[in-house]
């Protein structure tokens, strides 16, 4: 799966969660994960801000 195929996006800043909870606005901080190859794994915590690319 390549970056342009709807991969997971995250805001890789743990402190951003508190910021988002305290201020109802959107951040331009989403980063796509690197290209994923067969056998790779992706780990994240559900409390980290995340989205799926369009």
Protein backbone atom coordinates (compact mmCIF):
# COMPACT_ATOMS: atom_id res chain seq x y z
CA UNK A 1 0.00 0.00 0.00
CA UNK A 2 1.49 3.33 -1.04
CA UNK A 3 0.92 6.80 0.42
CA UNK A 4 -1.62 7.67 -2.26
CA UNK A 5 -3.84 4.65 -1.58
CA UNK A 6 -5.79 5.79 1.48
CA UNK A 7 -3.24 4.96 4.16
CA UNK A 8 -3.43 5.84 7.83
CA UNK A 9 -2.56 9.41 8.77
CA UNK A 10 -1.60 10.56 12.26
CA UNK A 11 -0.59 13.69 14.12
CA UNK A 12 2.72 12.42 15.54
CA UNK A 13 2.76 14.90 18.42
CA UNK A 14 1.47 13.44 21.73
CA UNK A 15 0.86 16.91 23.14
CA UNK A 16 -1.49 17.66 20.24
CA UNK A 17 -4.25 15.57 21.82
CA UNK A 18 -4.57 17.92 24.79
CA UNK A 19 -4.47 20.89 22.43
CA UNK A 20 -7.28 19.47 20.28
CA UNK A 21 -9.41 18.66 23.33
CA UNK A 22 -8.97 22.18 24.70
CA UNK A 23 -9.41 24.10 21.45
CA UNK A 24 -12.01 23.01 18.89
CA UNK A 25 -10.04 23.75 15.72
CA UNK A 26 -8.26 21.75 13.03
CA UNK A 27 -4.47 21.45 12.84
CA UNK A 28 -2.55 21.12 9.59
CA UNK A 29 -0.35 18.41 11.04
CA UNK A 30 -1.50 15.13 9.51
CA UNK A 31 1.36 13.01 8.24
CA UNK A 32 0.92 9.92 6.11
CA UNK A 33 2.72 6.80 7.19
CA UNK A 34 5.53 5.58 4.91
CA UNK A 35 4.77 3.11 2.11
CA UNK A 36 3.76 -0.26 3.57
CA UNK A 37 5.08 -3.47 2.08
CA UNK A 38 3.97 -7.06 2.64
CA UNK A 39 5.15 -8.16 6.09
CA UNK A 40 5.30 -4.63 7.53
CA UNK A 41 3.24 -3.65 10.54
CA UNK A 42 1.92 -0.29 11.70
CA UNK A 43 1.40 0.43 15.40
CA UNK A 44 -0.44 3.40 16.86
CA UNK A 45 -2.63 4.08 19.87
CA UNK A 46 -6.31 4.87 19.37
CA UNK A 47 -5.91 7.98 21.54
CA UNK A 48 -3.52 9.47 18.97
CA UNK A 49 -5.28 11.75 16.51
CA UNK A 50 -5.63 9.83 13.25
CA UNK A 51 -7.52 9.73 9.99
CA UNK A 52 -7.62 7.78 6.75
CA UNK A 53 -6.49 9.50 3.59
CA UNK A 54 -9.12 10.18 0.93
